[in-house]
Amino acid sequence: MLGDDYLKLNFYLSNDENNSKIVVKDISGDTICEYICFHKKTFSNTGADIIKTTLLSWAMIDCSITEEMQINVPIMSFEEKYLSDNFNYCCKLYHNVYKYSSPKITYPVKKEEIKEQKCMSDVFYLGYTQGKDSTLCKKLLEFCNKTIEYYKVSYDYDTPADDGHIYCEIVNKEKYSVCSITGLKERSDIVSFQQADDIHVTFACPYVYTKENYGKYLVVGIPWDAIHQFSDGTSDLVPTESYPSIMLFEELLNNYGYEGFRVISPIASLHTYGVYSNLCKLIGIDELLKLDSCWDAYEYGGRPCGYCPKCQRLKEVFRRCFDKEYIEDVPYLDIESADFLFGSVYATELLDKMTAEEIMGSVLIDEYSQRFSGEFIPVLQQLFKLEARNTALVDYKPDKQTWNEIRTQLINAIGMDYSKLSDIKVNDKNVPFLPFEKYYKWNRNNKILNCFSEVEYYDAESAKWISVPLGGNGTKLRLNDNLIFRRYLKLISINR
């Protein structure tokens, strides 16, 4: 048993010239996890404060399953306001989904108020990932002859990027699972869309080192799907990407001295369907297929896994927009609610009211898309001949689909051979890690995965095809090619 140690969490700051870290400990002093931003350029004084505050915001939201938080980090009054406001706004969603109460939060360490006026220029910073959202943003900025500076931030297991690398180091997995939103999501059987609330740290990265002047505009590729809150003030399913949360980040940077700073999403009036269909008109479908999309590609030699929500979203989008199958040898999961794929109740509501063709041919006009897109709405209309359509606030409707329903569908889609079931429990020595496991809450002790007696793979070291038994103490399966894995799942023989 964990006892009551995790019911009170303490947050600490650890800094050096290129690294900022928020350390979360329980009342016994054990470190639970660390939220880290590494930057290859030395932090300025203000930059260190911005990273500290946005990292702390991420840590507080993620570790909110507790009774009390003590923030042992020097905080200015406007930083405390940002942290409290963003925490309360984002956690409304999680309280609604997971039914828990907010902790008591104290800020005992105050810092002298400092505001250094920054020189701002008409430069547009673009977080350029070479994915479909940032690529369309780049095309729109170039069309409008804007002055662009590119930056790239990396995450988790990616190779660290020059402009920032952001990750969470879990030190005590058992305690982290109890106190974190991430752990709560993993324990729940409710299908939900929750990702790391590190968005504001990402936004801060181009503003952390000393420059003569900074870009006044930060351009982010967030489509219409994710930017809303509901009529009761609750955010949509990815709270830190919603526009009310982003406005809190704008206010924070204004208070640091970046007056006139603004976050802009040129594609905030386009649904994801519209982003893909209109970008295709500019670059063609072959180039569109090459754009980064998969969350797990780093585990599979850069190839898309096909099973993560982002890949399954693409299967949905390519079917609707282009009547084309994305990754033909991966099953299509007919998920009841689009919330899970698009990260948005708004997306589901719109798909219920409009056809994909209507969405693709429209800019979607509401308070947030107008404020977030600004001058780019008429540009999109001019460039792609799009019709303007008004949208309205909707009520929040919790997703009732359970993971078990998706697991059952996946078993049927893969086409398991029940006659080959084994009594031997599945482990990573006899069945490979399957890319859909962590999203669809697969149980590795479920014998259904052990339905084949053997599988073949090409061993690069010996340059031979090897037949590996699934079960017992056989050789650990190594998959050098994700395509082989897919064929294995689809029961297609591999040509030698």
Protein backbone atom coordinates (compact mmCIF):
# COMPACT_ATOMS: atom_id res chain seq x y z
CA MET A 1 0.00 0.00 0.00
CA LEU A 2 1.14 3.54 -0.71
CA GLY A 3 -0.30 4.99 2.49
CA ASP A 4 -1.21 8.70 2.57
CA ASP A 5 2.15 10.08 1.39
CA TYR A 6 0.79 11.01 -2.02
CA LEU A 7 -2.09 13.06 -0.57
CA LYS A 8 0.23 16.07 -0.23
CA LEU A 9 2.66 16.93 -3.02
CA ASN A 10 5.57 19.37 -2.94
CA PHE A 11 6.92 21.09 -6.07
CA TYR A 12 10.52 22.28 -6.33
CA LEU A 13 12.60 24.08 -8.96
CA SER A 14 16.01 22.95 -10.23
CA ASN A 15 17.75 25.25 -12.73
CA ASP A 16 20.99 25.69 -14.62
CA GLU A 17 21.79 27.85 -17.65
CA ASN A 18 20.35 25.41 -20.23
CA ASN A 19 17.95 23.33 -18.20
CA SER A 20 14.84 23.90 -16.11
CA LYS A 21 13.24 21.18 -14.02
CA ILE A 22 10.19 20.98 -11.76
CA VAL A 23 10.58 18.16 -9.24
CA VAL A 24 7.46 16.69 -7.62
CA LYS A 25 7.90 14.98 -4.23
CA ASP A 26 5.52 13.45 -1.74
CA ILE A 27 5.39 14.35 1.95
CA SER A 28 7.99 11.70 2.80
CA GLY A 29 10.48 13.41 0.45
CA ASP A 30 10.42 10.73 -2.24
CA THR A 31 10.69 12.08 -5.80
CA ILE A 32 7.70 11.01 -7.89
CA CYS A 33 8.46 12.66 -11.22
CA GLU A 34 10.34 15.53 -12.92
CA TYR A 35 9.12 17.88 -15.67
CA ILE A 36 12.06 19.05 -17.75
CA CYS A 37 12.83 21.53 -20.52
CA PHE A 38 16.34 21.38 -21.96
CA HIS A 39 17.49 24.16 -24.29
CA LYS A 40 20.76 24.30 -26.24
CA LYS A 41 20.76 28.11 -25.90
CA THR A 42 21.36 29.71 -22.49
CA PHE A 43 18.21 30.97 -20.74
CA SER A 44 17.86 34.69 -20.16
CA ASN A 45 16.59 35.74 -16.72
CA THR A 46 13.08 36.29 -18.04
CA GLY A 47 13.33 33.16 -20.17
CA ALA A 48 14.15 31.06 -17.12
CA ASP A 49 11.07 32.47 -15.37
CA ILE A 50 8.82 31.71 -18.36
CA ILE A 51 10.03 28.10 -18.59
CA LYS A 52 9.77 27.68 -14.81
CA THR A 53 6.17 28.90 -14.79
CA THR A 54 4.94 26.93 -17.83
CA LEU A 55 6.67 23.73 -16.65
CA LEU A 56 5.08 24.23 -13.24
CA SER A 57 1.68 24.67 -14.85
CA TRP A 58 2.08 21.36 -16.70
CA ALA A 59 3.27 19.58 -13.52
CA MET A 60 0.39 20.96 -11.40
CA ILE A 61 -2.27 19.92 -13.91
CA ASP A 62 -0.83 16.44 -14.41
CA CYS A 63 -0.30 15.76 -10.68
CA SER A 64 -3.69 17.03 -9.56
CA ILE A 65 -5.04 13.78 -8.07
CA THR A 66 -4.11 14.75 -4.53
CA GLU A 67 -5.53 16.65 -1.56
CA GLU A 68 -2.90 19.37 -1.23
CA MET A 69 -0.11 20.94 -3.29
CA GLN A 70 2.63 23.15 -1.90
CA ILE A 71 4.48 25.13 -4.57
CA ASN A 72 7.97 25.64 -3.12
CA VAL A 73 9.06 27.77 -6.06
CA PRO A 74 9.64 31.57 -6.01
CA ILE A 75 6.54 33.05 -7.64
CA MET A 76 5.56 36.59 -8.65
CA SER A 77 1.91 37.60 -8.21
CA PHE A 78 1.06 37.55 -11.93
CA GLU A 79 2.73 34.12 -12.25
CA GLU A 80 0.57 32.83 -9.41
CA LYS A 81 -2.53 34.22 -11.14
CA TYR A 82 -1.60 32.46 -14.39
CA LEU A 83 -0.91 29.16 -12.60
CA SER A 84 -4.18 29.29 -10.63
CA ASP A 85 -6.33 30.40 -13.57
CA ASN A 86 -4.91 27.86 -16.00
CA PHE A 87 -5.06 25.06 -13.42
CA ASN A 88 -8.71 25.77 -12.59
CA TYR A 89 -9.68 26.10 -16.25
CA CYS A 90 -7.97 22.90 -17.43
CA CYS A 91 -8.90 20.76 -14.43
CA LYS A 92 -12.62 21.51 -14.89
CA LEU A 93 -12.48 19.09 -17.81
CA TYR A 94 -10.73 16.35 -15.85
CA HIS A 95 -13.10 16.77 -12.89
CA ASN A 96 -16.01 16.36 -15.31
CA VAL A 97 -14.57 13.19 -16.88
CA TYR A 98 -12.97 11.47 -13.89
CA LYS A 99 -15.10 12.79 -10.98
CA TYR A 100 -12.49 13.97 -8.48
CA SER A 101 -12.05 17.19 -6.47
CA SER A 102 -9.42 19.91 -6.81
CA PRO A 103 -6.58 19.97 -4.28
CA LYS A 104 -5.78 22.84 -1.95
CA ILE A 105 -2.86 24.82 -3.46
CA THR A 106 -0.49 27.06 -1.51
CA TYR A 107 2.29 29.33 -2.79
CA PRO A 108 4.45 30.07 0.28
CA VAL A 109 7.55 31.41 -1.58
CA LYS A 110 7.04 34.91 -3.04
CA LYS A 111 9.38 36.68 -5.46
CA GLU A 112 9.98 40.39 -6.00
CA GLU A 113 7.99 41.74 -8.95
CA ILE A 114 10.25 42.16 -12.01
CA LYS A 115 9.19 43.26 -15.49
CA GLU A 116 11.79 43.84 -18.20
CA GLN A 117 10.41 45.55 -21.29
CA LYS A 118 11.22 43.53 -24.42
CA CYS A 119 11.67 44.89 -27.92
CA MET A 120 9.15 43.27 -30.27
CA SER A 121 9.26 43.08 -34.09
CA ASP A 122 6.73 42.08 -36.76
CA VAL A 123 8.30 38.63 -37.09
CA PHE A 124 6.14 35.49 -37.05
CA TYR A 125 7.67 32.60 -35.10
CA LEU A 126 6.42 29.31 -36.53
CA GLY A 127 6.71 26.03 -34.68
CA TYR A 128 7.52 24.00 -37.79
CA THR A 129 7.22 20.22 -37.39
CA GLN A 130 6.76 19.46 -41.12
CA GLY A 131 3.37 17.99 -40.29
CA LYS A 132 0.17 18.94 -42.11
CA ASP A 133 -0.87 21.75 -39.70
CA SER A 134 2.47 23.56 -39.63
CA THR A 135 2.97 23.02 -43.38
CA LEU A 136 -0.32 24.73 -44.20
CA CYS A 137 0.53 27.54 -41.75
CA LYS A 138 3.87 27.98 -43.54
CA LYS A 139 2.13 28.15 -46.94
CA LEU A 140 -0.34 30.75 -45.67
CA LEU A 141 2.38 32.94 -44.12
CA GLU A 142 4.40 32.79 -47.35
CA PHE A 143 1.30 33.66 -49.38
CA CYS A 144 0.84 36.76 -47.19
CA ASN A 145 4.57 37.68 -47.46
CA LYS A 146 5.13 37.51 -43.70
CA THR A 147 8.62 37.50 -42.19
CA ILE A 148 9.02 34.01 -40.67
CA GLU A 149 11.46 32.52 -38.18
CA TYR A 150 11.18 28.77 -37.67
CA TYR A 151 11.69 26.86 -34.45
CA LYS A 152 11.30 23.21 -33.53
CA VAL A 153 10.77 21.56 -30.16
CA SER A 154 11.22 17.85 -29.48
CA TYR A 155 9.58 15.59 -26.91
CA ASP A 156 10.18 12.42 -24.93
CA TYR A 157 12.37 9.97 -26.86
CA ASP A 158 12.97 12.16 -29.92
CA THR A 159 16.45 13.47 -30.72
CA PRO A 160 16.68 16.79 -28.81
CA ALA A 161 15.95 19.81 -31.02
CA ASP A 162 18.01 23.03 -30.83
CA ASP A 163 15.05 25.12 -29.62
CA GLY A 164 13.97 22.91 -26.74
CA HIS A 165 13.42 19.34 -25.59
CA ILE A 166 10.49 18.67 -23.24
CA TYR A 167 9.79 15.51 -21.29
CA CYS A 168 8.50 14.02 -18.05
CA GLU A 169 10.85 11.70 -16.16
CA ILE A 170 8.83 9.28 -14.02
CA VAL A 171 10.92 8.28 -10.99
CA ASN A 172 8.35 6.36 -8.95
CA LYS A 173 5.89 4.71 -11.35
CA GLU A 174 3.59 3.40 -8.62
CA LYS A 175 3.10 6.76 -6.94
CA TYR A 176 2.92 8.62 -10.26
CA SER A 177 0.11 6.32 -11.36
CA VAL A 178 -1.87 7.25 -8.23
CA CYS A 179 -1.44 11.04 -8.27
CA SER A 180 -1.40 11.89 -12.00
CA ILE A 181 -4.04 12.52 -14.63
CA THR A 182 -1.96 10.32 -16.94
CA GLY A 183 -2.20 7.43 -14.46
CA LEU A 184 -5.90 8.03 -13.86
CA LYS A 185 -6.55 7.88 -17.59
CA GLU A 186 -4.71 4.55 -17.82
CA ARG A 187 -6.81 3.08 -14.99
CA SER A 188 -10.13 4.31 -16.38
CA ASP A 189 -12.19 2.31 -18.87
CA ILE A 190 -13.69 5.50 -20.36
CA VAL A 191 -12.49 6.28 -23.87
CA SER A 192 -10.95 9.73 -23.58
CA PHE A 193 -8.49 12.00 -25.35
CA GLN A 194 -5.88 13.27 -22.93
CA GLN A 195 -2.34 14.25 -23.82
CA ALA A 196 0.46 15.96 -21.94
CA ASP A 197 -0.45 19.53 -20.96
CA ASP A 198 2.98 20.78 -22.05
CA ILE A 199 1.64 23.03 -24.82
CA HIS A 200 2.50 26.30 -23.07
CA VAL A 201 6.09 25.16 -22.44
CA THR A 202 6.37 24.56 -26.18
CA PHE A 203 5.01 28.05 -26.90
CA ALA A 204 7.58 29.59 -24.53
CA CYS A 205 10.68 28.04 -26.14
CA PRO A 206 11.47 30.79 -28.72
CA TYR A 207 11.35 33.45 -25.97
CA VAL A 208 13.81 31.98 -23.46
CA TYR A 209 17.19 33.32 -24.60
CA THR A 210 18.60 36.83 -24.94
CA LYS A 211 17.88 38.60 -28.24
CA GLU A 212 17.82 42.20 -29.44
CA ASN A 213 14.17 41.81 -30.37
CA TYR A 214 11.56 39.09 -30.36
CA GLY A 215 8.86 38.09 -32.81
CA LYS A 216 5.58 39.68 -31.84
CA TYR A 217 3.55 36.82 -33.26
CA LEU A 218 3.74 33.15 -32.32
CA VAL A 219 2.16 30.97 -35.01
CA VAL A 220 0.78 27.59 -33.99
CA GLY A 221 -1.01 25.02 -36.14
CA ILE A 222 -4.13 24.34 -34.07
CA PRO A 223 -7.26 23.59 -36.15
CA TRP A 224 -10.86 24.46 -35.32
CA ASP A 225 -11.41 21.05 -33.69
CA ALA A 226 -9.51 21.82 -30.46
CA ILE A 227 -9.88 25.51 -29.66
CA HIS A 228 -13.27 25.73 -27.91
CA GLN A 229 -14.82 25.68 -24.50
CA PHE A 230 -18.40 24.61 -23.80
CA SER A 231 -21.38 26.72 -22.85
CA ASP A 232 -20.79 25.97 -19.13
CA GLY A 233 -17.18 27.25 -19.33
CA THR A 234 -15.60 23.80 -19.38
CA SER A 235 -12.83 23.35 -21.94
CA ASP A 236 -12.86 20.98 -24.88
CA LEU A 237 -10.92 17.72 -24.63
CA VAL A 238 -7.36 19.09 -24.95
CA PRO A 239 -7.62 22.02 -22.53
CA THR A 240 -4.22 23.70 -23.02
CA GLU A 241 -4.85 23.86 -26.78
CA SER A 242 -8.18 25.61 -26.33
CA TYR A 243 -8.21 29.34 -26.99
CA PRO A 244 -9.24 30.46 -23.45
CA SER A 245 -6.15 28.68 -22.07
CA ILE A 246 -3.94 30.18 -24.78
CA MET A 247 -5.25 33.67 -23.89
CA LEU A 248 -3.93 33.08 -20.35
CA PHE A 249 -0.51 32.34 -21.84
CA GLU A 250 -0.71 35.57 -23.89
CA GLU A 251 -1.49 37.53 -20.73
CA LEU A 252 1.45 35.89 -18.94
CA LEU A 253 3.95 36.96 -21.62
CA ASN A 254 2.50 40.48 -21.71
CA ASN A 255 3.15 40.66 -17.94
CA TYR A 256 6.76 39.56 -18.48
CA GLY A 257 7.25 42.59 -20.75
CA TYR A 258 6.46 41.15 -24.19
CA GLU A 259 3.83 43.80 -24.89
CA GLY A 260 1.90 43.24 -28.11
CA PHE A 261 2.70 39.52 -28.07
CA ARG A 262 -0.02 37.39 -29.64
CA VAL A 263 -0.58 33.72 -30.47
CA ILE A 264 -2.11 33.12 -33.91
CA SER A 265 -3.39 29.95 -35.58
CA PRO A 266 -3.99 30.66 -39.29
CA ILE A 267 -5.94 27.39 -39.52
CA ALA A 268 -8.22 27.96 -36.49
CA SER A 269 -11.23 28.29 -38.80
CA LEU A 270 -10.55 24.96 -40.57
CA HIS A 271 -11.68 21.57 -39.33
CA THR A 272 -9.01 18.85 -39.73
CA TYR A 273 -10.90 17.67 -42.83
CA GLY A 274 -10.47 21.14 -44.28
CA VAL A 275 -6.77 21.28 -43.39
CA TYR A 276 -6.06 18.05 -45.28
CA SER A 277 -8.29 18.69 -48.28
CA ASN A 278 -7.01 22.25 -48.85
CA LEU A 279 -3.35 21.45 -48.21
CA CYS A 280 -3.70 18.66 -50.76
CA LYS A 281 -4.68 21.27 -53.35
CA LEU A 282 -1.33 23.01 -52.75
CA ILE A 283 1.09 20.08 -52.51
CA GLY A 284 -0.72 17.03 -53.96
CA ILE A 285 -1.74 13.81 -52.26
CA ASP A 286 1.64 12.08 -52.68
CA GLU A 287 3.40 14.83 -50.72
CA LEU A 288 0.56 14.91 -48.20
CA LEU A 289 1.12 11.22 -47.47
CA LYS A 290 4.77 11.92 -46.61
CA LEU A 291 4.00 14.39 -43.81
CA ASP A 292 4.72 13.32 -40.24
CA SER A 293 1.66 12.13 -38.36
CA CYS A 294 2.23 9.02 -36.22
CA TRP A 295 2.89 9.41 -32.49
CA ASP A 296 4.87 6.16 -32.38
CA ALA A 297 6.92 6.38 -35.58
CA TYR A 298 10.14 6.74 -33.56
CA GLU A 299 9.61 3.16 -32.34
CA TYR A 300 9.18 1.82 -35.87
CA GLY A 301 12.04 3.27 -37.87
CA GLY A 302 10.11 6.41 -38.84
CA ARG A 303 7.17 4.48 -40.31
CA PRO A 304 3.62 5.15 -39.07
CA CYS A 305 2.33 2.44 -36.72
CA GLY A 306 -1.25 2.60 -38.04
CA TYR A 307 -2.91 2.03 -34.67
CA CYS A 308 -2.35 5.13 -32.55
CA PRO A 309 -5.24 7.66 -32.50
CA LYS A 310 -3.37 9.93 -34.90
CA CYS A 311 -2.94 7.16 -37.49
CA GLN A 312 -6.54 6.05 -37.06
CA ARG A 313 -7.60 9.69 -37.50
CA LEU A 314 -5.76 9.71 -40.81
CA LYS A 315 -7.54 6.56 -41.92
CA GLU A 316 -10.82 8.38 -41.21
CA VAL A 317 -9.71 11.62 -42.91
CA PHE A 318 -8.31 9.96 -46.06
CA ARG A 319 -11.47 7.92 -46.49
CA ARG A 320 -13.71 10.96 -46.15
CA CYS A 321 -11.60 13.50 -48.02
CA PHE A 322 -9.95 11.47 -50.77
CA ASP A 323 -11.81 8.13 -50.89
CA LYS A 324 -8.40 6.56 -50.28
CA GLU A 325 -7.18 4.02 -47.74
CA TYR A 326 -4.35 5.22 -45.49
CA ILE A 327 -2.06 2.23 -44.71
CA GLU A 328 -4.12 -0.49 -46.35
CA ASP A 329 -2.77 -3.36 -44.25
CA VAL A 330 -3.96 -1.89 -40.93
CA PRO A 331 -7.57 -2.47 -39.83
CA TYR A 332 -9.93 0.51 -39.72
CA LEU A 333 -11.55 0.86 -36.30
CA ASP A 334 -15.08 2.23 -36.52
CA ILE A 335 -14.94 4.24 -33.30
CA GLU A 336 -18.41 5.39 -32.26
CA SER A 337 -17.41 8.89 -31.25
CA ALA A 338 -15.08 11.19 -33.16
CA ASP A 339 -14.08 12.77 -29.83
CA PHE A 340 -11.33 10.20 -29.40
CA LEU A 341 -9.86 10.75 -32.87
CA PHE A 342 -10.13 14.54 -33.11
CA GLY A 343 -9.73 15.39 -29.42
CA SER A 344 -12.88 17.46 -29.54
CA VAL A 345 -16.55 17.21 -28.63
CA TYR A 346 -17.03 20.13 -31.01
CA ALA A 347 -15.71 17.98 -33.86
CA THR A 348 -18.28 15.29 -33.07
CA GLU A 349 -21.10 17.86 -32.92
CA LEU A 350 -20.09 19.32 -36.27
CA LEU A 351 -19.79 15.91 -37.92
CA ASP A 352 -23.32 15.14 -36.73
CA LYS A 353 -24.66 18.30 -38.37
CA MET A 354 -22.62 18.61 -41.58
CA THR A 355 -21.26 16.32 -44.25
CA ALA A 356 -17.51 15.97 -44.72
CA GLU A 357 -17.87 17.73 -48.08
CA GLU A 358 -19.53 20.74 -46.46
CA ILE A 359 -16.83 20.91 -43.77
CA MET A 360 -14.01 20.64 -46.33
CA GLY A 361 -15.43 23.53 -48.33
CA SER A 362 -15.93 25.91 -45.42
CA VAL A 363 -14.25 28.23 -43.00
CA LEU A 364 -15.95 27.86 -39.62
CA ILE A 365 -16.80 31.18 -38.02
CA ASP A 366 -17.27 31.65 -34.28
CA GLU A 367 -15.85 33.92 -31.58
CA TYR A 368 -12.68 31.89 -31.02
CA SER A 369 -11.86 31.06 -34.64
CA GLN A 370 -12.23 34.74 -35.58
CA ARG A 371 -10.00 35.95 -32.73
CA PHE A 372 -7.44 33.17 -33.21
CA SER A 373 -7.26 33.27 -37.05
CA GLY A 374 -7.78 36.97 -37.53
CA GLU A 375 -6.65 38.15 -40.95
CA PHE A 376 -6.20 34.63 -42.29
CA ILE A 377 -9.92 33.81 -42.63
CA PRO A 378 -10.34 35.99 -45.76
CA VAL A 379 -7.00 34.65 -47.05
CA LEU A 380 -8.30 31.07 -46.78
CA GLN A 381 -11.53 32.06 -48.51
CA GLN A 382 -9.65 33.77 -51.32
CA LEU A 383 -7.11 30.99 -51.78
CA PHE A 384 -9.46 28.01 -51.65
CA LYS A 385 -12.89 29.53 -52.51
CA LEU A 386 -14.34 28.51 -49.14
CA GLU A 387 -17.82 29.33 -47.85
CA ALA A 388 -18.15 30.95 -44.40
CA ARG A 389 -20.32 28.98 -41.96
CA ASN A 390 -21.34 30.10 -38.48
CA THR A 391 -20.98 27.63 -35.61
CA ALA A 392 -22.37 27.84 -32.09
CA LEU A 393 -21.48 26.79 -28.53
CA VAL A 394 -22.38 23.23 -27.62
CA ASP A 395 -22.93 21.37 -24.35
CA TYR A 396 -20.43 18.86 -23.05
CA LYS A 397 -21.47 15.23 -23.52
CA PRO A 398 -19.15 12.69 -21.89
CA ASP A 399 -17.99 9.89 -24.15
CA LYS A 400 -19.79 6.69 -23.10
CA GLN A 401 -17.85 4.25 -25.28
CA THR A 402 -15.61 1.91 -23.27
CA TRP A 403 -12.19 0.55 -24.10
CA ASN A 404 -13.57 -2.99 -24.02
CA GLU A 405 -15.79 -2.22 -27.01
CA ILE A 406 -12.79 -1.06 -29.02
CA ARG A 407 -10.71 -4.06 -27.92
CA THR A 408 -13.44 -6.42 -29.08
CA GLN A 409 -13.64 -4.63 -32.42
CA LEU A 410 -9.87 -4.77 -32.81
CA ILE A 411 -9.79 -8.52 -32.15
CA ASN A 412 -12.40 -9.01 -34.86
CA ALA A 413 -10.66 -6.63 -37.28
CA ILE A 414 -7.33 -8.39 -36.93
CA GLY A 415 -8.94 -11.77 -37.52
CA MET A 416 -7.55 -13.80 -34.63
CA ASP A 417 -7.41 -17.59 -35.10
CA TYR A 418 -9.01 -18.87 -31.90
CA SER A 419 -8.06 -22.48 -32.71
CA LYS A 420 -4.40 -21.66 -32.00
CA LEU A 421 -4.86 -20.23 -28.53
CA SER A 422 -2.15 -21.18 -26.06
CA ASP A 423 -2.31 -21.46 -22.28
CA ILE A 424 1.05 -19.68 -22.00
CA LYS A 425 0.72 -16.09 -20.82
CA VAL A 426 1.87 -13.38 -23.19
CA ASN A 427 5.02 -11.43 -22.35
CA ASP A 428 7.53 -9.34 -24.25
CA LYS A 429 9.70 -12.41 -24.84
CA ASN A 430 7.16 -14.30 -26.89
CA VAL A 431 4.97 -11.58 -28.43
CA PRO A 432 6.28 -8.22 -29.69
CA PHE A 433 5.12 -4.91 -28.26
CA LEU A 434 2.01 -4.05 -30.26
CA PRO A 435 1.64 -0.38 -31.20
CA PHE A 436 -2.05 -0.22 -30.24
CA GLU A 437 -1.59 -1.65 -26.74
CA LYS A 438 -1.07 1.57 -24.78
CA TYR A 439 -3.95 3.39 -26.51
CA TYR A 440 -6.51 0.60 -26.45
CA LYS A 441 -5.63 -0.61 -22.93
CA TRP A 442 -4.64 -4.09 -24.04
CA ASN A 443 -3.90 -6.66 -21.35
CA ARG A 444 -0.64 -8.45 -22.17
CA ASN A 445 -1.78 -11.41 -20.05
CA ASN A 446 -4.73 -11.92 -22.38
CA LYS A 447 -4.19 -15.22 -24.21
CA ILE A 448 -5.91 -13.84 -27.30
CA LEU A 449 -2.58 -12.34 -28.39
CA ASN A 450 -0.90 -15.74 -28.28
CA CYS A 451 -2.87 -17.17 -31.18
CA PHE A 452 0.01 -18.14 -33.46
CA SER A 453 2.51 -20.91 -32.92
CA GLU A 454 5.33 -19.09 -34.72
CA VAL A 455 6.12 -16.02 -36.78
CA GLU A 456 8.87 -15.23 -39.27
CA TYR A 457 11.11 -12.19 -39.31
CA TYR A 458 14.20 -11.13 -41.25
CA ASP A 459 17.31 -11.01 -39.06
CA ALA A 460 19.59 -8.26 -40.39
CA GLU A 461 22.68 -9.56 -38.59
CA SER A 462 22.57 -13.05 -40.09
CA ALA A 463 20.80 -11.93 -43.28
CA LYS A 464 18.38 -14.85 -42.89
CA TRP A 465 14.68 -15.39 -42.38
CA ILE A 466 14.12 -16.90 -38.92
CA SER A 467 11.07 -18.68 -37.60
CA VAL A 468 10.46 -17.77 -33.97
CA PRO A 469 8.09 -19.72 -31.69
CA LEU A 470 5.52 -17.69 -29.80
CA GLY A 471 5.45 -19.14 -26.32
CA GLY A 472 7.73 -20.90 -23.87
CA ASN A 473 11.30 -19.74 -23.62
CA GLY A 474 11.83 -19.17 -27.32
CA THR A 475 13.96 -16.43 -28.85
CA LYS A 476 12.73 -12.92 -28.18
CA LEU A 477 11.02 -11.63 -31.30
CA ARG A 478 12.72 -8.64 -32.92
CA LEU A 479 10.79 -6.84 -35.62
CA ASN A 480 13.09 -4.93 -37.97
CA ASP A 481 10.27 -3.96 -40.29
CA ASN A 482 6.86 -2.75 -39.17
CA LEU A 483 5.37 -4.06 -42.41
CA ILE A 484 6.25 -7.58 -41.30
CA PHE A 485 4.40 -6.96 -38.06
CA ARG A 486 1.32 -5.83 -39.95
CA ARG A 487 1.39 -8.86 -42.20
CA TYR A 488 1.74 -11.02 -39.12
CA LEU A 489 -1.44 -9.52 -37.71
CA LYS A 490 -3.30 -9.92 -41.00
CA LEU A 491 -2.19 -13.59 -41.37
CA ILE A 492 -0.47 -12.86 -44.68
CA SER A 493 2.55 -15.07 -45.43
CA ILE A 494 5.88 -13.34 -45.88
CA ASN A 495 7.74 -14.08 -49.11
CA ARG A 496 11.28 -15.27 -48.49
